Amino acid sequence: MKKVALVTGAAMGLGQMIADELHANGFEVIAYDKVFGDDVLKPKDLPERLDVLVNCAGMNIINWCADVKEADWDTVVDVNLKGTFLMAQACLPMLKESKGTILNIVSNAAHLPMRCSAAYNASKGGALILTKQLAREFSPDVTVFSVSPNRLEGTPMSDSIDDQVTETRGWSKEYAKEYQNGSLLAGEETKPEYCAELIGFLLSTKERHKYLAGCDVPYGV
């Protein structure tokens, strides 16, 4: 019987690549995304059997702290933090039955402050400690850990941020990219397919990730 994985934010970007990798590793994959009418804040139509939940749905609305609108703050924190919690809570009975796994896609934003990104960084910092909290409460039946990628190349999230940065900070896209790459130790943005490949490898068997319970795996800094 195939193992079943549910991936939120699976319609595009890193989420889609993770879903593809899990499929290649023999999982039956459920792509859960707002594009398909799914809502992480109102979990529904969940499978009766589940081995892995990947919380990858995320968003960012950037602005200077003084100018952040309360509605924008709520939107970002709701999706990135509250949605992660609600999906984990809703899927817990199935994951306890299967002795399964929750992987939360966090971000290096949980570790590093960034200008014009207060809501996003706060939500990802919250998701990081939430991962550790869930790992404590759900273990040993359910393994919970996280992966924190740095900036990913060519994803809809990165493209959206580029557009917002040029408007908010008055930079050209060329300068914004040069500035960003200058802070990355590899000298370039992370290719999301390699991050997804690592995640697929880790999740392919419980033995490869069960000792990561409560841990956060940085992918680039």
C-alpha atoms as a PDB file:
ATOM      1  CA  MET A   1       0.000   0.000   0.000  1.00  0.00           C
ATOM      2  CA  LYS A   2       1.383   3.399  -0.984  1.00  0.00           C
ATOM      3  CA  LYS A   3       2.152   5.933   1.699  1.00  0.00           C
ATOM      4  CA  VAL A   4       0.036   9.091   1.488  1.00  0.00           C
ATOM      5  CA  ALA A   5       1.428  12.629   1.703  1.00  0.00           C
ATOM      6  CA  LEU A   6      -0.494  15.899   1.781  1.00  0.00           C
ATOM      7  CA  VAL A   7       1.432  18.998   0.683  1.00  0.00           C
ATOM      8  CA  THR A   8       0.014  22.472   1.210  1.00  0.00           C
ATOM      9  CA  GLY A   9       0.969  25.185  -1.264  1.00  0.00           C
ATOM     10  CA  ALA A  10       1.499  22.439  -3.828  1.00  0.00           C
ATOM     11  CA  ALA A  11       0.234  24.251  -6.931  1.00  0.00           C
ATOM     12  CA  MET A  12       3.519  26.035  -7.647  1.00  0.00           C
ATOM     13  CA  GLY A  13       7.046  26.776  -6.500  1.00  0.00           C
ATOM     14  CA  LEU A  14       8.746  24.738  -3.797  1.00  0.00           C
ATOM     15  CA  GLY A  15       5.489  23.072  -2.754  1.00  0.00           C
ATOM     16  CA  GLN A  16       4.915  21.712  -6.229  1.00  0.00           C
ATOM     17  CA  MET A  17       8.507  20.458  -6.416  1.00  0.00           C
ATOM     18  CA  ILE A  18       8.199  18.721  -3.047  1.00  0.00           C
ATOM     19  CA  ALA A  19       4.972  17.077  -4.199  1.00  0.00           C
ATOM     20  CA  ASP A  20       6.725  15.864  -7.358  1.00  0.00           C
ATOM     21  CA  GLU A  21       9.663  14.480  -5.376  1.00  0.00           C
ATOM     22  CA  LEU A  22       7.382  12.607  -2.991  1.00  0.00           C
ATOM     23  CA  HIS A  23       5.481  11.166  -5.933  1.00  0.00           C
ATOM     24  CA  ALA A  24       8.791  10.025  -7.427  1.00  0.00           C
ATOM     25  CA  ASN A  25       9.579   8.379  -4.080  1.00  0.00           C
ATOM     26  CA  GLY A  26       6.414   6.278  -4.255  1.00  0.00           C
ATOM     27  CA  PHE A  27       3.929   8.391  -2.315  1.00  0.00           C
ATOM     28  CA  GLU A  28       0.344   9.022  -3.249  1.00  0.00           C
ATOM     29  CA  VAL A  29       0.370  12.826  -3.087  1.00  0.00           C
ATOM     30  CA  ILE A  30      -2.542  15.113  -2.273  1.00  0.00           C
ATOM     31  CA  ALA A  31      -1.882  18.628  -3.585  1.00  0.00           C
ATOM     32  CA  TYR A  32      -3.633  21.017  -1.200  1.00  0.00           C
ATOM     33  CA  ASP A  33      -3.691  24.613  -2.403  1.00  0.00           C
ATOM     34  CA  LYS A  34      -5.925  27.668  -2.586  1.00  0.00           C
ATOM     35  CA  VAL A  35      -5.747  27.332  -6.385  1.00  0.00           C
ATOM     36  CA  PHE A  36      -7.761  24.122  -5.976  1.00  0.00           C
ATOM     37  CA  GLY A  37     -10.216  25.695  -3.529  1.00  0.00           C
ATOM     38  CA  ASP A  38      -8.405  24.497  -0.386  1.00  0.00           C
ATOM     39  CA  ASP A  39      -7.866  26.712   2.641  1.00  0.00           C
ATOM     40  CA  VAL A  40      -5.248  26.039   5.337  1.00  0.00           C
ATOM     41  CA  LEU A  41      -7.351  28.115   7.728  1.00  0.00           C
ATOM     42  CA  LYS A  42     -10.361  25.860   7.195  1.00  0.00           C
ATOM     43  CA  PRO A  43      -9.027  22.320   6.705  1.00  0.00           C
ATOM     44  CA  LYS A  44     -11.506  20.088   4.904  1.00  0.00           C
ATOM     45  CA  ASP A  45     -11.700  17.092   2.583  1.00  0.00           C
ATOM     46  CA  LEU A  46      -8.732  15.513   4.315  1.00  0.00           C
ATOM     47  CA  PRO A  47      -7.791  11.907   3.538  1.00  0.00           C
ATOM     48  CA  GLU A  48      -8.800   9.105   5.866  1.00  0.00           C
ATOM     49  CA  ARG A  49      -5.231   7.795   5.797  1.00  0.00           C
ATOM     50  CA  LEU A  50      -2.131   9.976   5.953  1.00  0.00           C
ATOM     51  CA  ASP A  51       1.573   9.333   6.504  1.00  0.00           C
ATOM     52  CA  VAL A  52       3.146  12.750   5.865  1.00  0.00           C
ATOM     53  CA  LEU A  53       1.930  16.333   6.120  1.00  0.00           C
ATOM     54  CA  VAL A  54       4.116  19.016   4.523  1.00  0.00           C
ATOM     55  CA  ASN A  55       3.114  22.549   5.506  1.00  0.00           C
ATOM     56  CA  CYS A  56       4.534  24.608   2.641  1.00  0.00           C
ATOM     57  CA  ALA A  57       1.800  27.191   1.990  1.00  0.00           C
ATOM     58  CA  GLY A  58       3.142  30.665   2.620  1.00  0.00           C
ATOM     59  CA  MET A  59       2.993  34.291   1.592  1.00  0.00           C
ATOM     60  CA  ASN A  60       4.605  37.666   2.232  1.00  0.00           C
ATOM     61  CA  ILE A  61       3.442  41.278   2.046  1.00  0.00           C
ATOM     62  CA  ILE A  62       6.394  43.557   2.629  1.00  0.00           C
ATOM     63  CA  ASN A  63       6.396  47.096   3.951  1.00  0.00           C
ATOM     64  CA  TRP A  64       8.282  49.299   6.383  1.00  0.00           C
ATOM     65  CA  CYS A  65       7.210  48.599   9.976  1.00  0.00           C
ATOM     66  CA  ALA A  66       5.682  52.078  10.319  1.00  0.00           C
ATOM     67  CA  ASP A  67       3.489  51.471   7.281  1.00  0.00           C
ATOM     68  CA  VAL A  68       2.315  47.883   7.817  1.00  0.00           C
ATOM     69  CA  LYS A  69      -1.473  47.653   7.652  1.00  0.00           C
ATOM     70  CA  GLU A  70      -3.140  45.535  10.310  1.00  0.00           C
ATOM     71  CA  ALA A  71      -5.071  43.595   7.667  1.00  0.00           C
ATOM     72  CA  ASP A  72      -1.814  42.732   5.852  1.00  0.00           C
ATOM     73  CA  TRP A  73      -0.212  41.614   9.117  1.00  0.00           C
ATOM     74  CA  ASP A  74      -3.189  39.363   9.866  1.00  0.00           C
ATOM     75  CA  THR A  75      -3.171  37.854   6.366  1.00  0.00           C
ATOM     76  CA  VAL A  76       0.517  36.925   6.481  1.00  0.00           C
ATOM     77  CA  VAL A  77       0.507  35.604  10.042  1.00  0.00           C
ATOM     78  CA  ASP A  78      -2.735  33.686   9.489  1.00  0.00           C
ATOM     79  CA  VAL A  79      -1.447  31.793   6.454  1.00  0.00           C
ATOM     80  CA  ASN A  80       2.129  31.190   7.595  1.00  0.00           C
ATOM     81  CA  LEU A  81       1.562  30.441  11.273  1.00  0.00           C
ATOM     82  CA  LYS A  82      -2.087  29.825  12.074  1.00  0.00           C
ATOM     83  CA  GLY A  83      -2.563  27.763   8.917  1.00  0.00           C
ATOM     84  CA  THR A  84       0.403  25.571   9.833  1.00  0.00           C
ATOM     85  CA  PHE A  85      -1.079  24.937  13.276  1.00  0.00           C
ATOM     86  CA  LEU A  86      -4.603  24.249  12.039  1.00  0.00           C
ATOM     87  CA  MET A  87      -3.442  21.791   9.375  1.00  0.00           C
ATOM     88  CA  ALA A  88      -1.281  19.944  11.902  1.00  0.00           C
ATOM     89  CA  GLN A  89      -4.157  19.814  14.366  1.00  0.00           C
ATOM     90  CA  ALA A  90      -6.644  18.596  11.754  1.00  0.00           C
ATOM     91  CA  CYS A  91      -4.304  15.893  10.425  1.00  0.00           C
ATOM     92  CA  LEU A  92      -3.122  14.678  13.829  1.00  0.00           C
ATOM     93  CA  PRO A  93      -5.589  11.755  14.214  1.00  0.00           C
ATOM     94  CA  MET A  94      -4.541  10.225  10.884  1.00  0.00           C
ATOM     95  CA  LEU A  95      -0.843  10.826  11.546  1.00  0.00           C
ATOM     96  CA  LYS A  96      -1.044   9.247  15.007  1.00  0.00           C
ATOM     97  CA  GLU A  97      -2.646   6.198  13.435  1.00  0.00           C
ATOM     98  CA  SER A  98       0.152   5.858  10.865  1.00  0.00           C
ATOM     99  CA  LYS A  99       3.008   6.939  13.190  1.00  0.00           C
ATOM    100  CA  GLY A 100       3.566   9.615  10.574  1.00  0.00           C
ATOM    101  CA  THR A 101       5.451  12.862  10.084  1.00  0.00           C
ATOM    102  CA  ILE A 102       4.868  16.609   9.877  1.00  0.00           C
ATOM    103  CA  LEU A 103       7.392  18.713   7.994  1.00  0.00           C
ATOM    104  CA  ASN A 104       7.004  22.476   8.283  1.00  0.00           C
ATOM    105  CA  ILE A 105       8.692  24.631   5.669  1.00  0.00           C
ATOM    106  CA  VAL A 106       9.898  27.571   7.727  1.00  0.00           C
ATOM    107  CA  SER A 107      12.507  30.030   6.349  1.00  0.00           C
ATOM    108  CA  ASN A 108      15.835  31.608   7.162  1.00  0.00           C
ATOM    109  CA  ALA A 109      13.588  34.585   7.976  1.00  0.00           C
ATOM    110  CA  ALA A 110      12.933  32.806  11.283  1.00  0.00           C
ATOM    111  CA  HIS A 111      16.603  33.335  12.147  1.00  0.00           C
ATOM    112  CA  LEU A 112      17.564  36.633  10.462  1.00  0.00           C
ATOM    113  CA  PRO A 113      15.817  40.024  10.624  1.00  0.00           C
ATOM    114  CA  MET A 114      15.110  41.584   7.240  1.00  0.00           C
ATOM    115  CA  ARG A 115      13.950  45.098   6.415  1.00  0.00           C
ATOM    116  CA  CYS A 116      10.319  45.558   5.365  1.00  0.00           C
ATOM    117  CA  SER A 117       9.415  42.009   6.435  1.00  0.00           C
ATOM    118  CA  ALA A 118       8.142  42.238  10.017  1.00  0.00           C
ATOM    119  CA  ALA A 119       4.975  40.186   9.532  1.00  0.00           C
ATOM    120  CA  TYR A 120       6.711  37.472   7.526  1.00  0.00           C
ATOM    121  CA  ASN A 121       9.657  37.168   9.900  1.00  0.00           C
ATOM    122  CA  ALA A 122       7.381  37.098  12.934  1.00  0.00           C
ATOM    123  CA  SER A 123       5.196  34.429  11.351  1.00  0.00           C
ATOM    124  CA  LYS A 124       8.200  32.280  10.455  1.00  0.00           C
ATOM    125  CA  GLY A 125       9.751  32.750  13.893  1.00  0.00           C
ATOM    126  CA  GLY A 126       6.443  31.567  15.286  1.00  0.00           C
ATOM    127  CA  ALA A 127       6.402  28.591  12.914  1.00  0.00           C
ATOM    128  CA  LEU A 128       9.872  27.624  14.109  1.00  0.00           C
ATOM    129  CA  ILE A 129       8.971  27.476  17.792  1.00  0.00           C
ATOM    130  CA  LEU A 130       5.616  25.896  16.893  1.00  0.00           C
ATOM    131  CA  THR A 131       7.537  23.098  15.170  1.00  0.00           C
ATOM    132  CA  LYS A 132       9.497  22.437  18.357  1.00  0.00           C
ATOM    133  CA  GLN A 133       6.335  22.608  20.457  1.00  0.00           C
ATOM    134  CA  LEU A 134       4.447  20.156  18.246  1.00  0.00           C
ATOM    135  CA  ALA A 135       7.445  17.836  18.241  1.00  0.00           C
ATOM    136  CA  ARG A 136       7.356  17.773  22.054  1.00  0.00           C
ATOM    137  CA  GLU A 137       3.614  17.188  22.252  1.00  0.00           C
ATOM    138  CA  PHE A 138       3.230  14.700  19.410  1.00  0.00           C
ATOM    139  CA  SER A 139       6.304  12.537  19.979  1.00  0.00           C
ATOM    140  CA  PRO A 140       7.022   9.696  19.796  1.00  0.00           C
ATOM    141  CA  ASP A 141       3.962   8.813  17.727  1.00  0.00           C
ATOM    142  CA  VAL A 142       4.356  11.645  15.205  1.00  0.00           C
ATOM    143  CA  THR A 143       7.722  13.063  14.114  1.00  0.00           C
ATOM    144  CA  VAL A 144       7.732  16.842  13.601  1.00  0.00           C
ATOM    145  CA  PHE A 145      10.645  18.819  12.146  1.00  0.00           C
ATOM    146  CA  SER A 146      11.257  21.753   9.830  1.00  0.00           C
ATOM    147  CA  VAL A 147      13.420  22.900   6.939  1.00  0.00           C
ATOM    148  CA  SER A 148      14.396  26.568   6.586  1.00  0.00           C
ATOM    149  CA  PRO A 149      15.393  27.505   3.019  1.00  0.00           C
ATOM    150  CA  ASN A 150      16.962  30.822   2.171  1.00  0.00           C
ATOM    151  CA  ARG A 151      15.838  32.788  -0.875  1.00  0.00           C
ATOM    152  CA  LEU A 152      14.760  30.432  -3.646  1.00  0.00           C
ATOM    153  CA  GLU A 153      15.391  31.188  -7.289  1.00  0.00           C
ATOM    154  CA  GLY A 154      12.499  31.787  -9.671  1.00  0.00           C
ATOM    155  CA  THR A 155       9.574  30.868  -7.431  1.00  0.00           C
ATOM    156  CA  PRO A 156       6.328  32.879  -7.450  1.00  0.00           C
ATOM    157  CA  MET A 157       7.116  33.959  -3.876  1.00  0.00           C
ATOM    158  CA  SER A 158      10.535  35.323  -4.894  1.00  0.00           C
ATOM    159  CA  ASP A 159       9.082  37.038  -7.961  1.00  0.00           C
ATOM    160  CA  SER A 160       6.379  38.668  -5.844  1.00  0.00           C
ATOM    161  CA  ILE A 161       8.951  39.916  -3.334  1.00  0.00           C
ATOM    162  CA  ASP A 162      11.083  41.346  -6.152  1.00  0.00           C
ATOM    163  CA  ASP A 163       8.103  43.340  -7.391  1.00  0.00           C
ATOM    164  CA  GLN A 164       7.287  44.572  -3.884  1.00  0.00           C
ATOM    165  CA  VAL A 165      10.914  45.500  -3.140  1.00  0.00           C
ATOM    166  CA  THR A 166      11.213  47.683  -6.214  1.00  0.00           C
ATOM    167  CA  GLU A 167       8.058  49.543  -5.163  1.00  0.00           C
ATOM    168  CA  THR A 168       8.764  49.765  -1.424  1.00  0.00           C
ATOM    169  CA  ARG A 169      12.485  50.516  -1.506  1.00  0.00           C
ATOM    170  CA  GLY A 170      12.751  52.243  -4.867  1.00  0.00           C
ATOM    171  CA  TRP A 171      15.383  49.820  -6.157  1.00  0.00           C
ATOM    172  CA  SER A 172      15.717  48.394  -9.625  1.00  0.00           C
ATOM    173  CA  LYS A 173      15.293  44.622  -9.919  1.00  0.00           C
ATOM    174  CA  GLU A 174      18.904  44.381 -11.043  1.00  0.00           C
ATOM    175  CA  TYR A 175      20.181  46.176  -7.932  1.00  0.00           C
ATOM    176  CA  ALA A 176      17.875  44.177  -5.653  1.00  0.00           C
ATOM    177  CA  LYS A 177      19.257  40.918  -7.061  1.00  0.00           C
ATOM    178  CA  GLU A 178      22.857  42.105  -6.714  1.00  0.00           C
ATOM    179  CA  TYR A 179      22.196  43.168  -3.123  1.00  0.00           C
ATOM    180  CA  GLN A 180      20.536  39.849  -2.294  1.00  0.00           C
ATOM    181  CA  ASN A 181      23.234  37.685  -3.861  1.00  0.00           C
ATOM    182  CA  GLY A 182      25.896  39.606  -1.997  1.00  0.00           C
ATOM    183  CA  SER A 183      24.553  38.259   1.302  1.00  0.00           C
ATOM    184  CA  LEU A 184      24.333  34.617   0.176  1.00  0.00           C
ATOM    185  CA  LEU A 185      27.337  32.430   0.937  1.00  0.00           C
ATOM    186  CA  ALA A 186      26.906  30.467  -2.277  1.00  0.00           C
ATOM    187  CA  GLY A 187      26.899  33.752  -4.199  1.00  0.00           C
ATOM    188  CA  GLU A 188      23.587  32.928  -5.835  1.00  0.00           C
ATOM    189  CA  GLU A 189      19.982  32.165  -5.009  1.00  0.00           C
ATOM    190  CA  THR A 190      19.131  28.642  -3.953  1.00  0.00           C
ATOM    191  CA  LYS A 191      17.753  26.419  -6.676  1.00  0.00           C
ATOM    192  CA  PRO A 192      14.450  25.124  -5.245  1.00  0.00           C
ATOM    193  CA  GLU A 193      14.647  21.789  -7.039  1.00  0.00           C
ATOM    194  CA  TYR A 194      17.704  20.824  -4.963  1.00  0.00           C
ATOM    195  CA  CYS A 195      15.957  21.772  -1.738  1.00  0.00           C
ATOM    196  CA  ALA A 196      12.947  19.687  -2.799  1.00  0.00           C
ATOM    197  CA  GLU A 197      15.236  16.778  -3.696  1.00  0.00           C
ATOM    198  CA  LEU A 198      16.722  16.791  -0.187  1.00  0.00           C
ATOM    199  CA  ILE A 199      13.259  16.928   1.368  1.00  0.00           C
ATOM    200  CA  GLY A 200      12.085  14.037  -0.800  1.00  0.00           C
ATOM    201  CA  PHE A 201      15.095  12.009   0.311  1.00  0.00           C
ATOM    202  CA  LEU A 202      14.541  12.746   3.999  1.00  0.00           C
ATOM    203  CA  LEU A 203      10.839  11.916   3.874  1.00  0.00           C
ATOM    204  CA  SER A 204      11.205   8.787   1.750  1.00  0.00           C
ATOM    205  CA  THR A 205      11.672   6.642   4.862  1.00  0.00           C
ATOM    206  CA  LYS A 206      11.053   7.334   8.542  1.00  0.00           C
ATOM    207  CA  GLU A 207      14.583   6.176   9.366  1.00  0.00           C
ATOM    208  CA  ARG A 208      16.039   9.115   7.441  1.00  0.00           C
ATOM    209  CA  HIS A 209      14.290  11.787   9.485  1.00  0.00           C
ATOM    210  CA  LYS A 210      13.007  10.430  12.791  1.00  0.00           C
ATOM    211  CA  TYR A 211      16.083  11.700  14.652  1.00  0.00           C
ATOM    212  CA  LEU A 212      15.372  15.176  13.310  1.00  0.00           C
ATOM    213  CA  ALA A 213      12.326  15.411  15.615  1.00  0.00           C
ATOM    214  CA  GLY A 214      12.179  18.966  16.943  1.00  0.00           C
ATOM    215  CA  CYS A 215      15.041  20.088  14.710  1.00  0.00           C
ATOM    216  CA  ASP A 216      15.211  22.777  12.056  1.00  0.00           C
ATOM    217  CA  VAL A 217      17.372  22.045   9.003  1.00  0.00           C
ATOM    218  CA  PRO A 218      18.761  25.249   7.444  1.00  0.00           C
ATOM    219  CA  TYR A 219      19.119  25.148   3.660  1.00  0.00           C
ATOM    220  CA  GLY A 220      21.397  28.058   2.908  1.00  0.00           C
ATOM    221  CA  VAL A 221      21.944  31.059   5.156  1.00  0.00           C
END
